[in-house]
Amino acid sequence: QVQLVESGGGLVQPGGSLRLSCAASGRISSIYAMGWYRQAPGKQREFVAVIISGGSLNYADSVKGRFTISRDNAKNTVYLQMNSLKPEDTAVYYCNLRQTAFGTFSWGQGTQVTVSS
């Protein structure tokens, strides 16, 4: 069993910044990838960013240049630095983890990010 705990969400004005954290614990033998998805009200969950073992990064086009994903391997923690936030970034942000390339996702409980003036 893998547990993922997100933190760092909140209310921020347009143009502001937030940093999300996600700490993984439990039965983890290795980590292939950790990443972030988000789900806005009335919409499907969508990919935001992923960091793959070896350092490969991938971002959704909507966040490129504004969001940065990083990982602390020693702490099994992934971060999402979000800058220049827009109202359309408002969503519940979910962390996920895969232990192998074709393994199942483990998910966190989500953290709310609201961008509003």
PDB file of N, CA and C in Angstrom:
ATOM      1  N   GLN A   1       0.845  -1.193   0.000  1.00  0.00           N
ATOM      2  CA  GLN A   1       0.000   0.000   0.000  1.00  0.00           C
ATOM      3  C   GLN A   1       0.879   1.241   0.000  1.00  0.00           C
ATOM      4  N   VAL A   2       0.573   2.143  -0.927  1.00  0.00           N
ATOM      5  CA  VAL A   2       1.309   3.395  -1.046  1.00  0.00           C
ATOM      6  C   VAL A   2       0.398   4.539  -0.622  1.00  0.00           C
ATOM      7  N   GLN A   3       0.913   5.418   0.194  1.00  0.00           N
ATOM      8  CA  GLN A   3       0.167   6.605   0.590  1.00  0.00           C
ATOM      9  C   GLN A   3       0.840   7.851   0.004  1.00  0.00           C
ATOM     10  N   LEU A   4       0.016   8.733  -0.527  1.00  0.00           N
ATOM     11  CA  LEU A   4       0.481   9.999  -1.068  1.00  0.00           C
ATOM     12  C   LEU A   4      -0.280  11.118  -0.373  1.00  0.00           C
ATOM     13  N   VAL A   5       0.454  12.078   0.160  1.00  0.00           N
ATOM     14  CA  VAL A   5      -0.175  13.187   0.875  1.00  0.00           C
ATOM     15  C   VAL A   5       0.261  14.496   0.243  1.00  0.00           C
ATOM     16  N   GLU A   6      -0.718  15.210  -0.327  1.00  0.00           N
ATOM     17  CA  GLU A   6      -0.439  16.506  -0.948  1.00  0.00           C
ATOM     18  C   GLU A   6      -0.626  17.631   0.072  1.00  0.00           C
ATOM     19  N   SER A   7       0.079  18.720  -0.157  1.00  0.00           N
ATOM     20  CA  SER A   7      -0.094  19.924   0.649  1.00  0.00           C
ATOM     21  C   SER A   7       0.311  21.134  -0.175  1.00  0.00           C
ATOM     22  N   GLY A   8      -0.060  22.315   0.315  1.00  0.00           N
ATOM     23  CA  GLY A   8       0.387  23.540  -0.325  1.00  0.00           C
ATOM     24  C   GLY A   8      -0.673  24.274  -1.121  1.00  0.00           C
ATOM     25  N   GLY A   9      -1.855  23.693  -1.252  1.00  0.00           N
ATOM     26  CA  GLY A   9      -2.908  24.381  -1.983  1.00  0.00           C
ATOM     27  C   GLY A   9      -3.451  25.566  -1.215  1.00  0.00           C
ATOM     28  N   GLY A  10      -4.293  26.338  -1.886  1.00  0.00           N
ATOM     29  CA  GLY A  10      -4.893  27.486  -1.229  1.00  0.00           C
ATOM     30  C   GLY A  10      -5.478  28.460  -2.217  1.00  0.00           C
ATOM     31  N   LEU A  11      -5.765  29.650  -1.722  1.00  0.00           N
ATOM     32  CA  LEU A  11      -6.324  30.731  -2.527  1.00  0.00           C
ATOM     33  C   LEU A  11      -5.221  31.721  -2.869  1.00  0.00           C
ATOM     34  N   VAL A  12      -5.124  32.063  -4.144  1.00  0.00           N
ATOM     35  CA  VAL A  12      -4.093  32.997  -4.584  1.00  0.00           C
ATOM     36  C   VAL A  12      -4.681  33.904  -5.654  1.00  0.00           C
ATOM     37  N   GLN A  13      -4.180  35.119  -5.738  1.00  0.00           N
ATOM     38  CA  GLN A  13      -4.642  36.056  -6.767  1.00  0.00           C
ATOM     39  C   GLN A  13      -4.016  35.725  -8.111  1.00  0.00           C
ATOM     40  N   PRO A  14      -4.675  36.100  -9.194  1.00  0.00           N
ATOM     41  CA  PRO A  14      -4.075  35.916 -10.517  1.00  0.00           C
ATOM     42  C   PRO A  14      -2.683  36.545 -10.578  1.00  0.00           C
ATOM     43  N   GLY A  15      -1.756  35.816 -11.189  1.00  0.00           N
ATOM     44  CA  GLY A  15      -0.375  36.267 -11.260  1.00  0.00           C
ATOM     45  C   GLY A  15       0.482  35.804 -10.101  1.00  0.00           C
ATOM     46  N   GLY A  16      -0.144  35.230  -9.100  1.00  0.00           N
ATOM     47  CA  GLY A  16       0.568  34.767  -7.918  1.00  0.00           C
ATOM     48  C   GLY A  16       1.189  33.397  -8.103  1.00  0.00           C
ATOM     49  N   SER A  17       1.784  32.897  -7.004  1.00  0.00           N
ATOM     50  CA  SER A  17       2.494  31.622  -7.029  1.00  0.00           C
ATOM     51  C   SER A  17       2.071  30.734  -5.870  1.00  0.00           C
ATOM     52  N   LEU A  18       2.164  29.454  -6.100  1.00  0.00           N
ATOM     53  CA  LEU A  18       1.982  28.455  -5.055  1.00  0.00           C
ATOM     54  C   LEU A  18       2.958  27.319  -5.309  1.00  0.00           C
ATOM     55  N   ARG A  19       3.318  26.615  -4.228  1.00  0.00           N
ATOM     56  CA  ARG A  19       4.152  25.434  -4.348  1.00  0.00           C
ATOM     57  C   ARG A  19       3.441  24.265  -3.693  1.00  0.00           C
ATOM     58  N   LEU A  20       3.157  23.253  -4.494  1.00  0.00           N
ATOM     59  CA  LEU A  20       2.533  22.041  -3.988  1.00  0.00           C
ATOM     60  C   LEU A  20       3.603  21.004  -3.662  1.00  0.00           C
ATOM     61  N   SER A  21       3.326  20.221  -2.635  1.00  0.00           N
ATOM     62  CA  SER A  21       4.210  19.122  -2.255  1.00  0.00           C
ATOM     63  C   SER A  21       3.412  17.838  -2.179  1.00  0.00           C
ATOM     64  N   CYS A  22       4.075  16.727  -2.445  1.00  0.00           N
ATOM     65  CA  CYS A  22       3.436  15.418  -2.327  1.00  0.00           C
ATOM     66  C   CYS A  22       4.467  14.436  -1.790  1.00  0.00           C
ATOM     67  N   ALA A  23       4.189  13.924  -0.608  1.00  0.00           N
ATOM     68  CA  ALA A  23       5.102  12.975   0.026  1.00  0.00           C
ATOM     69  C   ALA A  23       4.545  11.565  -0.086  1.00  0.00           C
ATOM     70  N   ALA A  24       5.383  10.653  -0.552  1.00  0.00           N
ATOM     71  CA  ALA A  24       4.992   9.255  -0.706  1.00  0.00           C
ATOM     72  C   ALA A  24       5.568   8.419   0.419  1.00  0.00           C
ATOM     73  N   SER A  25       4.768   7.450   0.885  1.00  0.00           N
ATOM     74  CA  SER A  25       5.218   6.545   1.943  1.00  0.00           C
ATOM     75  C   SER A  25       4.534   5.198   1.758  1.00  0.00           C
ATOM     76  N   GLY A  26       4.973   4.231   2.554  1.00  0.00           N
ATOM     77  CA  GLY A  26       4.370   2.904   2.482  1.00  0.00           C
ATOM     78  C   GLY A  26       5.275   1.925   1.764  1.00  0.00           C
ATOM     79  N   ARG A  27       4.641   0.947   1.098  1.00  0.00           N
ATOM     80  CA  ARG A  27       5.379  -0.131   0.452  1.00  0.00           C
ATOM     81  C   ARG A  27       5.858   0.324  -0.934  1.00  0.00           C
ATOM     82  N   ILE A  28       7.007   0.981  -0.935  1.00  0.00           N
ATOM     83  CA  ILE A  28       7.589   1.504  -2.173  1.00  0.00           C
ATOM     84  C   ILE A  28       8.915   0.814  -2.407  1.00  0.00           C
ATOM     85  N   SER A  29       9.005   0.029  -3.483  1.00  0.00           N
ATOM     86  CA  SER A  29      10.265  -0.636  -3.789  1.00  0.00           C
ATOM     87  C   SER A  29      11.124   0.224  -4.701  1.00  0.00           C
ATOM     88  N   SER A  30      10.474   0.940  -5.583  1.00  0.00           N
ATOM     89  CA  SER A  30      11.175   1.865  -6.467  1.00  0.00           C
ATOM     90  C   SER A  30      10.128   2.826  -7.020  1.00  0.00           C
ATOM     91  N   ILE A  31      10.594   3.932  -7.581  1.00  0.00           N
ATOM     92  CA  ILE A  31       9.681   4.912  -8.173  1.00  0.00           C
ATOM     93  C   ILE A  31      10.100   5.159  -9.611  1.00  0.00           C
ATOM     94  N   TYR A  32       9.193   4.837 -10.527  1.00  0.00           N
ATOM     95  CA  TYR A  32       9.455   5.106 -11.944  1.00  0.00           C
ATOM     96  C   TYR A  32       9.088   6.551 -12.287  1.00  0.00           C
ATOM     97  N   ALA A  33       7.953   7.004 -11.798  1.00  0.00           N
ATOM     98  CA  ALA A  33       7.503   8.356 -12.125  1.00  0.00           C
ATOM     99  C   ALA A  33       6.587   8.893 -11.036  1.00  0.00           C
ATOM    100  N   MET A  34       6.657  10.190 -10.847  1.00  0.00           N
ATOM    101  CA  MET A  34       5.705  10.900  -9.999  1.00  0.00           C
ATOM    102  C   MET A  34       5.215  12.106 -10.777  1.00  0.00           C
ATOM    103  N   GLY A  35       3.962  12.440 -10.568  1.00  0.00           N
ATOM    104  CA  GLY A  35       3.430  13.546 -11.349  1.00  0.00           C
ATOM    105  C   GLY A  35       2.203  14.169 -10.735  1.00  0.00           C
ATOM    106  N   TRP A  36       1.634  15.099 -11.487  1.00  0.00           N
ATOM    107  CA  TRP A  36       0.469  15.846 -11.049  1.00  0.00           C
ATOM    108  C   TRP A  36      -0.603  15.858 -12.141  1.00  0.00           C
ATOM    109  N   TYR A  37      -1.833  15.697 -11.710  1.00  0.00           N
ATOM    110  CA  TYR A  37      -3.012  15.892 -12.544  1.00  0.00           C
ATOM    111  C   TYR A  37      -3.883  16.918 -11.828  1.00  0.00           C
ATOM    112  N   ARG A  38      -4.881  17.435 -12.534  1.00  0.00           N
ATOM    113  CA  ARG A  38      -5.822  18.345 -11.906  1.00  0.00           C
ATOM    114  C   ARG A  38      -7.218  18.122 -12.469  1.00  0.00           C
ATOM    115  N   GLN A  39      -8.206  18.503 -11.673  1.00  0.00           N
ATOM    116  CA  GLN A  39      -9.589  18.365 -12.100  1.00  0.00           C
ATOM    117  C   GLN A  39     -10.368  19.594 -11.667  1.00  0.00           C
ATOM    118  N   ALA A  40     -10.852  20.337 -12.670  1.00  0.00           N
ATOM    119  CA  ALA A  40     -11.677  21.507 -12.415  1.00  0.00           C
ATOM    120  C   ALA A  40     -13.137  21.073 -12.316  1.00  0.00           C
ATOM    121  N   PRO A  41     -13.976  21.875 -11.670  1.00  0.00           N
ATOM    122  CA  PRO A  41     -15.392  21.522 -11.544  1.00  0.00           C
ATOM    123  C   PRO A  41     -16.041  21.277 -12.900  1.00  0.00           C
ATOM    124  N   GLY A  42     -16.714  20.153 -13.034  1.00  0.00           N
ATOM    125  CA  GLY A  42     -17.415  19.829 -14.262  1.00  0.00           C
ATOM    126  C   GLY A  42     -16.539  19.351 -15.403  1.00  0.00           C
ATOM    127  N   LYS A  43     -15.249  19.159 -15.126  1.00  0.00           N
ATOM    128  CA  LYS A  43     -14.326  18.729 -16.180  1.00  0.00           C
ATOM    129  C   LYS A  43     -13.649  17.419 -15.794  1.00  0.00           C
ATOM    130  N   GLN A  44     -13.065  16.765 -16.792  1.00  0.00           N
ATOM    131  CA  GLN A  44     -12.323  15.531 -16.541  1.00  0.00           C
ATOM    132  C   GLN A  44     -10.958  15.855 -15.948  1.00  0.00           C
ATOM    133  N   ARG A  45     -10.436  14.873 -15.241  1.00  0.00           N
ATOM    134  CA  ARG A  45      -9.082  15.024 -14.710  1.00  0.00           C
ATOM    135  C   ARG A  45      -8.098  15.095 -15.870  1.00  0.00           C
ATOM    136  N   GLU A  46      -7.139  16.031 -15.781  1.00  0.00           N
ATOM    137  CA  GLU A  46      -6.196  16.216 -16.880  1.00  0.00           C
ATOM    138  C   GLU A  46      -4.760  16.201 -16.366  1.00  0.00           C
ATOM    139  N   PHE A  47      -3.881  15.796 -17.248  1.00  0.00           N
ATOM    140  CA  PHE A  47      -2.452  15.742 -16.951  1.00  0.00           C
ATOM    141  C   PHE A  47      -1.884  17.154 -16.802  1.00  0.00           C
ATOM    142  N   VAL A  48      -0.983  17.322 -15.827  1.00  0.00           N
ATOM    143  CA  VAL A  48      -0.300  18.598 -15.639  1.00  0.00           C
ATOM    144  C   VAL A  48       1.203  18.461 -15.887  1.00  0.00           C
ATOM    145  N   ALA A  49       1.844  17.561 -15.157  1.00  0.00           N
ATOM    146  CA  ALA A  49       3.293  17.411 -15.269  1.00  0.00           C
ATOM    147  C   ALA A  49       3.717  16.067 -14.703  1.00  0.00           C
ATOM    148  N   VAL A  50       4.881  15.586 -15.175  1.00  0.00           N
ATOM    149  CA  VAL A  50       5.427  14.328 -14.675  1.00  0.00           C
ATOM    150  C   VAL A  50       6.944  14.418 -14.683  1.00  0.00           C
ATOM    151  N   ILE A  51       7.556  13.760 -13.709  1.00  0.00           N
ATOM    152  CA  ILE A  51       8.999  13.599 -13.671  1.00  0.00           C
ATOM    153  C   ILE A  51       9.286  12.109 -13.594  1.00  0.00           C
ATOM    154  N   ILE A  52      10.117  11.641 -14.518  1.00  0.00           N
ATOM    155  CA  ILE A  52      10.399  10.221 -14.650  1.00  0.00           C
ATOM    156  C   ILE A  52      11.816   9.954 -14.156  1.00  0.00           C
ATOM    157  N   SER A  53      12.036   8.758 -13.590  1.00  0.00           N
ATOM    158  CA  SER A  53      13.356   8.416 -13.081  1.00  0.00           C
ATOM    159  C   SER A  53      14.388   8.646 -14.171  1.00  0.00           C
ATOM    160  N   GLY A  54      15.487   9.255 -13.795  1.00  0.00           N
ATOM    161  CA  GLY A  54      16.492   9.661 -14.777  1.00  0.00           C
ATOM    162  C   GLY A  54      16.396  11.143 -15.063  1.00  0.00           C
ATOM    163  N   GLY A  55      15.279  11.751 -14.649  1.00  0.00           N
ATOM    164  CA  GLY A  55      15.157  13.201 -14.738  1.00  0.00           C
ATOM    165  C   GLY A  55      14.326  13.730 -15.868  1.00  0.00           C
ATOM    166  N   SER A  56      13.755  12.881 -16.683  1.00  0.00           N
ATOM    167  CA  SER A  56      12.938  13.351 -17.802  1.00  0.00           C
ATOM    168  C   SER A  56      11.679  14.038 -17.276  1.00  0.00           C
ATOM    169  N   LEU A  57      11.365  15.204 -17.880  1.00  0.00           N
ATOM    170  CA  LEU A  57      10.216  16.004 -17.466  1.00  0.00           C
ATOM    171  C   LEU A  57       9.251  16.147 -18.631  1.00  0.00           C
ATOM    172  N   ASN A  58       7.963  16.246 -18.311  1.00  0.00           N
ATOM    173  CA  ASN A  58       6.971  16.499 -19.336  1.00  0.00           C
ATOM    174  C   ASN A  58       5.872  17.357 -18.734  1.00  0.00           C
ATOM    175  N   TYR A  59       5.380  18.331 -19.515  1.00  0.00           N
ATOM    176  CA  TYR A  59       4.362  19.260 -19.039  1.00  0.00           C
ATOM    177  C   TYR A  59       3.216  19.345 -20.039  1.00  0.00           C
ATOM    178  N   ALA A  60       2.032  19.634 -19.518  1.00  0.00           N
ATOM    179  CA  ALA A  60       0.926  19.986 -20.390  1.00  0.00           C
ATOM    180  C   ALA A  60       1.225  21.330 -21.036  1.00  0.00           C
ATOM    181  N   ASP A  61       0.767  21.506 -22.260  1.00  0.00           N
ATOM    182  CA  ASP A  61       1.030  22.767 -22.964  1.00  0.00           C
ATOM    183  C   ASP A  61       0.503  23.971 -22.184  1.00  0.00           C
ATOM    184  N   SER A  62      -0.597  23.784 -21.478  1.00  0.00           N
ATOM    185  CA  SER A  62      -1.241  24.896 -20.777  1.00  0.00           C
ATOM    186  C   SER A  62      -0.423  25.428 -19.603  1.00  0.00           C
ATOM    187  N   VAL A  63       0.562  24.656 -19.144  1.00  0.00           N
ATOM    188  CA  VAL A  63       1.344  25.096 -17.984  1.00  0.00           C
ATOM    189  C   VAL A  63       2.820  25.290 -18.297  1.00  0.00           C
ATOM    190  N   LYS A  64       3.238  24.954 -19.507  1.00  0.00           N
ATOM    191  CA  LYS A  64       4.652  25.104 -19.876  1.00  0.00           C
ATOM    192  C   LYS A  64       5.108  26.541 -19.695  1.00  0.00           C
ATOM    193  N   GLY A  65       6.286  26.683 -19.087  1.00  0.00           N
ATOM    194  CA  GLY A  65       6.836  28.010 -18.862  1.00  0.00           C
ATOM    195  C   GLY A  65       6.347  28.664 -17.586  1.00  0.00           C
ATOM    196  N   ARG A  66       5.323  28.091 -16.965  1.00  0.00           N
ATOM    197  CA  ARG A  66       4.786  28.657 -15.715  1.00  0.00           C
ATOM    198  C   ARG A  66       4.953  27.706 -14.530  1.00  0.00           C
ATOM    199  N   PHE A  67       4.840  26.418 -14.785  1.00  0.00           N
ATOM    200  CA  PHE A  67       4.935  25.419 -13.718  1.00  0.00           C
ATOM    201  C   PHE A  67       6.263  24.667 -13.844  1.00  0.00           C
ATOM    202  N   THR A  68       6.811  24.274 -12.699  1.00  0.00           N
ATOM    203  CA  THR A  68       8.037  23.486 -12.674  1.00  0.00           C
ATOM    204  C   THR A  68       7.861  22.323 -11.711  1.00  0.00           C
ATOM    205  N   ILE A  69       8.105  21.114 -12.204  1.00  0.00           N
ATOM    206  CA  ILE A  69       8.036  19.928 -11.354  1.00  0.00           C
ATOM    207  C   ILE A  69       9.446  19.537 -10.950  1.00  0.00           C
ATOM    208  N   SER A  70       9.583  19.094  -9.712  1.00  0.00           N
ATOM    209  CA  SER A  70      10.877  18.638  -9.225  1.00  0.00           C
ATOM    210  C   SER A  70      10.647  17.538  -8.194  1.00  0.00           C
ATOM    211  N   ARG A  71      11.725  16.861  -7.836  1.00  0.00           N
ATOM    212  CA  ARG A  71      11.578  15.706  -6.946  1.00  0.00           C
ATOM    213  C   ARG A  71      12.772  15.613  -6.018  1.00  0.00           C
ATOM    214  N   ASP A  72      12.509  15.263  -4.781  1.00  0.00           N
ATOM    215  CA  ASP A  72      13.546  14.966  -3.798  1.00  0.00           C
ATOM    216  C   ASP A  72      13.520  13.457  -3.592  1.00  0.00           C
ATOM    217  N   ASN A  73      14.478  12.757  -4.195  1.00  0.00           N
ATOM    218  CA  ASN A  73      14.474  11.298  -4.145  1.00  0.00           C
ATOM    219  C   ASN A  73      14.656  10.779  -2.726  1.00  0.00           C
ATOM    220  N   ALA A  74      15.449  11.455  -1.940  1.00  0.00           N
ATOM    221  CA  ALA A  74      15.707  11.004  -0.573  1.00  0.00           C
ATOM    222  C   ALA A  74      14.444  11.044   0.286  1.00  0.00           C
ATOM    223  N   LYS A  75      13.547  11.968  -0.043  1.00  0.00           N
ATOM    224  CA  LYS A  75      12.319  12.130   0.734  1.00  0.00           C
ATOM    225  C   LYS A  75      11.106  11.528   0.035  1.00  0.00           C
ATOM    226  N   ASN A  76      11.297  10.936  -1.143  1.00  0.00           N
ATOM    227  CA  ASN A  76      10.163  10.422  -1.930  1.00  0.00           C
ATOM    228  C   ASN A  76       9.073  11.480  -2.064  1.00  0.00           C
ATOM    229  N   THR A  77       9.507  12.686  -2.369  1.00  0.00           N
ATOM    230  CA  THR A  77       8.590  13.820  -2.435  1.00  0.00           C
ATOM    231  C   THR A  77       8.713  14.511  -3.791  1.00  0.00           C
ATOM    232  N   VAL A  78       7.574  14.882  -4.349  1.00  0.00           N
ATOM    233  CA  VAL A  78       7.541  15.621  -5.605  1.00  0.00           C
ATOM    234  C   VAL A  78       6.902  16.982  -5.338  1.00  0.00           C
ATOM    235  N   TYR A  79       7.384  17.977  -6.048  1.00  0.00           N
ATOM    236  CA  TYR A  79       6.922  19.345  -5.874  1.00  0.00           C
ATOM    237  C   TYR A  79       6.385  19.888  -7.205  1.00  0.00           C
ATOM    238  N   LEU A  80       5.487  20.842  -7.101  1.00  0.00           N
ATOM    239  CA  LEU A  80       5.013  21.548  -8.282  1.00  0.00           C
ATOM    240  C   LEU A  80       5.024  23.033  -7.954  1.00  0.00           C
ATOM    241  N   GLN A  81       5.994  23.745  -8.518  1.00  0.00           N
ATOM    242  CA  GLN A  81       6.065  25.189  -8.362  1.00  0.00           C
ATOM    243  C   GLN A  81       5.198  25.817  -9.441  1.00  0.00           C
ATOM    244  N   MET A  82       4.206  26.567  -9.018  1.00  0.00           N
ATOM    245  CA  MET A  82       3.257  27.159  -9.959  1.00  0.00           C
ATOM    246  C   MET A  82       3.378  28.676  -9.892  1.00  0.00           C
ATOM    247  N   ASN A  83       3.799  29.286 -11.000  1.00  0.00           N
ATOM    248  CA  ASN A  83       3.954  30.726 -11.099  1.00  0.00           C
ATOM    249  C   ASN A  83       2.974  31.292 -12.117  1.00  0.00           C
ATOM    250  N   SER A  84       2.782  32.593 -12.068  1.00  0.00           N
ATOM    251  CA  SER A  84       1.892  33.273 -13.027  1.00  0.00           C
ATOM    252  C   SER A  84       0.546  32.568 -13.121  1.00  0.00           C
ATOM    253  N   LEU A  85      -0.024  32.290 -11.983  1.00  0.00           N
ATOM    254  CA  LEU A  85      -1.272  31.530 -11.951  1.00  0.00           C
ATOM    255  C   LEU A  85      -2.418  32.306 -12.574  1.00  0.00           C
ATOM    256  N   LYS A  86      -3.294  31.552 -13.222  1.00  0.00           N
ATOM    257  CA  LYS A  86      -4.453  32.113 -13.911  1.00  0.00           C
ATOM    258  C   LYS A  86      -5.728  31.522 -13.307  1.00  0.00           C
ATOM    259  N   PRO A  87      -6.851  32.214 -13.454  1.00  0.00           N
ATOM    260  CA  PRO A  87      -8.112  31.655 -12.934  1.00  0.00           C
ATOM    261  C   PRO A  87      -8.405  30.258 -13.484  1.00  0.00           C
ATOM    262  N   GLU A  88      -7.991  30.002 -14.717  1.00  0.00           N
ATOM    263  CA  GLU A  88      -8.250  28.684 -15.316  1.00  0.00           C
ATOM    264  C   GLU A  88      -7.381  27.581 -14.721  1.00  0.00           C
ATOM    265  N   ASP A  89      -6.442  27.936 -13.862  1.00  0.00           N
ATOM    266  CA  ASP A  89      -5.659  26.925 -13.140  1.00  0.00           C
ATOM    267  C   ASP A  89      -6.410  26.416 -11.908  1.00  0.00           C
ATOM    268  N   THR A  90      -7.527  27.034 -11.586  1.00  0.00           N
ATOM    269  CA  THR A  90      -8.318  26.599 -10.436  1.00  0.00           C
ATOM    270  C   THR A  90      -8.783  25.166 -10.617  1.00  0.00           C
ATOM    271  N   ALA A  91      -8.464  24.325  -9.645  1.00  0.00           N
ATOM    272  CA  ALA A  91      -8.788  22.902  -9.729  1.00  0.00           C
ATOM    273  C   ALA A  91      -8.343  22.210  -8.441  1.00  0.00           C
ATOM    274  N   VAL A  92      -8.755  20.969  -8.309  1.00  0.00           N
ATOM    275  CA  VAL A  92      -8.151  20.098  -7.309  1.00  0.00           C
ATOM    276  C   VAL A  92      -6.954  19.432  -7.965  1.00  0.00           C
ATOM    277  N   TYR A  93      -5.816  19.534  -7.332  1.00  0.00           N
ATOM    278  CA  TYR A  93      -4.575  18.976  -7.875  1.00  0.00           C
ATOM    279  C   TYR A  93      -4.263  17.655  -7.164  1.00  0.00           C
ATOM    280  N   TYR A  94      -4.027  16.625  -7.979  1.00  0.00           N
ATOM    281  CA  TYR A  94      -3.772  15.284  -7.471  1.00  0.00           C
ATOM    282  C   TYR A  94      -2.355  14.848  -7.830  1.00  0.00           C
ATOM    283  N   CYS A  95      -1.693  14.278  -6.864  1.00  0.00           N
ATOM    284  CA  CYS A  95      -0.376  13.688  -7.066  1.00  0.00           C
ATOM    285  C   CYS A  95      -0.545  12.214  -7.412  1.00  0.00           C
ATOM    286  N   ASN A  96       0.349  11.697  -8.257  1.00  0.00           N
ATOM    287  CA  ASN A  96       0.337  10.258  -8.494  1.00  0.00           C
ATOM    288  C   ASN A  96       1.742   9.703  -8.576  1.00  0.00           C
ATOM    289  N   LEU A  97       1.812   8.389  -8.476  1.00  0.00           N
ATOM    290  CA  LEU A  97       3.094   7.676  -8.457  1.00  0.00           C
ATOM    291  C   LEU A  97       2.941   6.354  -9.189  1.00  0.00           C
ATOM    292  N   ARG A  98       3.958   6.006  -9.963  1.00  0.00           N
ATOM    293  CA  ARG A  98       4.050   4.674 -10.568  1.00  0.00           C
ATOM    294  C   ARG A  98       5.381   4.071 -10.171  1.00  0.00           C
ATOM    295  N   GLN A  99       5.357   2.828  -9.748  1.00  0.00           N
ATOM    296  CA  GLN A  99       6.605   2.178  -9.351  1.00  0.00           C
ATOM    297  C   GLN A  99       7.331   1.545 -10.536  1.00  0.00           C
ATOM    298  N   THR A 100       6.579   1.231 -11.585  1.00  0.00           N
ATOM    299  CA  THR A 100       7.199   0.702 -12.793  1.00  0.00           C
ATOM    300  C   THR A 100       6.583   1.409 -13.994  1.00  0.00           C
ATOM    301  N   ALA A 101       7.186   1.246 -15.149  1.00  0.00           N
ATOM    302  CA  ALA A 101       6.726   1.946 -16.345  1.00  0.00           C
ATOM    303  C   ALA A 101       5.295   1.565 -16.717  1.00  0.00           C
ATOM    304  N   PHE A 102       4.908   0.329 -16.459  1.00  0.00           N
ATOM    305  CA  PHE A 102       3.575  -0.126 -16.836  1.00  0.00           C
ATOM    306  C   PHE A 102       2.727  -0.461 -15.613  1.00  0.00           C
ATOM    307  N   GLY A 103       3.164   0.034 -14.455  1.00  0.00           N
ATOM    308  CA  GLY A 103       2.435  -0.216 -13.230  1.00  0.00           C
ATOM    309  C   GLY A 103       1.215   0.666 -13.078  1.00  0.00           C
ATOM    310  N   THR A 104       0.427   0.346 -12.085  1.00  0.00           N
ATOM    311  CA  THR A 104      -0.767   1.144 -11.826  1.00  0.00           C
ATOM    312  C   THR A 104      -0.382   2.427 -11.092  1.00  0.00           C
ATOM    313  N   PHE A 105      -1.275   3.416 -11.188  1.00  0.00           N
ATOM    314  CA  PHE A 105      -1.080   4.676 -10.492  1.00  0.00           C
ATOM    315  C   PHE A 105      -1.556   4.567  -9.051  1.00  0.00           C
ATOM    316  N   SER A 106      -0.808   5.148  -8.147  1.00  0.00           N
ATOM    317  CA  SER A 106      -1.292   5.429  -6.798  1.00  0.00           C
ATOM    318  C   SER A 106      -1.617   6.916  -6.764  1.00  0.00           C
ATOM    319  N   TRP A 107      -2.716   7.265  -6.087  1.00  0.00           N
ATOM    320  CA  TRP A 107      -3.180   8.650  -6.093  1.00  0.00           C
ATOM    321  C   TRP A 107      -3.258   9.216  -4.680  1.00  0.00           C
ATOM    322  N   GLY A 108      -3.024  10.508  -4.570  1.00  0.00           N
ATOM    323  CA  GLY A 108      -3.270  11.217  -3.333  1.00  0.00           C
ATOM    324  C   GLY A 108      -4.724  11.660  -3.254  1.00  0.00           C
ATOM    325  N   GLN A 109      -5.040  12.351  -2.160  1.00  0.00           N
ATOM    326  CA  GLN A 109      -6.429  12.749  -1.918  1.00  0.00           C
ATOM    327  C   GLN A 109      -6.768  14.082  -2.591  1.00  0.00           C
ATOM    328  N   GLY A 110      -5.760  14.790  -3.048  1.00  0.00           N
ATOM    329  CA  GLY A 110      -5.982  16.053  -3.749  1.00  0.00           C
ATOM    330  C   GLY A 110      -5.860  17.260  -2.841  1.00  0.00           C
ATOM    331  N   THR A 111      -5.474  18.378  -3.442  1.00  0.00           N
ATOM    332  CA  THR A 111      -5.403  19.652  -2.723  1.00  0.00           C
ATOM    333  C   THR A 111      -6.005  20.735  -3.620  1.00  0.00           C
ATOM    334  N   GLN A 112      -6.822  21.583  -3.027  1.00  0.00           N
ATOM    335  CA  GLN A 112      -7.546  22.593  -3.801  1.00  0.00           C
ATOM    336  C   GLN A 112      -6.663  23.799  -4.068  1.00  0.00           C
ATOM    337  N   VAL A 113      -6.643  24.219  -5.315  1.00  0.00           N
ATOM    338  CA  VAL A 113      -5.989  25.460  -5.716  1.00  0.00           C
ATOM    339  C   VAL A 113      -7.051  26.359  -6.333  1.00  0.00           C
ATOM    340  N   THR A 114      -7.201  27.551  -5.778  1.00  0.00           N
ATOM    341  CA  THR A 114      -8.170  28.512  -6.284  1.00  0.00           C
ATOM    342  C   THR A 114      -7.454  29.802  -6.636  1.00  0.00           C
ATOM    343  N   VAL A 115      -7.607  30.214  -7.889  1.00  0.00           N
ATOM    344  CA  VAL A 115      -6.983  31.449  -8.363  1.00  0.00           C
ATOM    345  C   VAL A 115      -8.099  32.446  -8.631  1.00  0.00           C
ATOM    346  N   SER A 116      -8.159  33.471  -7.797  1.00  0.00           N
ATOM    347  CA  SER A 116      -9.259  34.418  -7.891  1.00  0.00           C
ATOM    348  C   SER A 116      -8.864  35.725  -7.227  1.00  0.00           C
ATOM    349  N   SER A 117      -9.397  36.818  -7.781  1.00  0.00           N
ATOM    350  CA  SER A 117      -9.177  38.118  -7.164  1.00  0.00           C
ATOM    351  C   SER A 117     -10.314  38.454  -6.199  1.00  0.00           C
TER     352      SER A 117
END
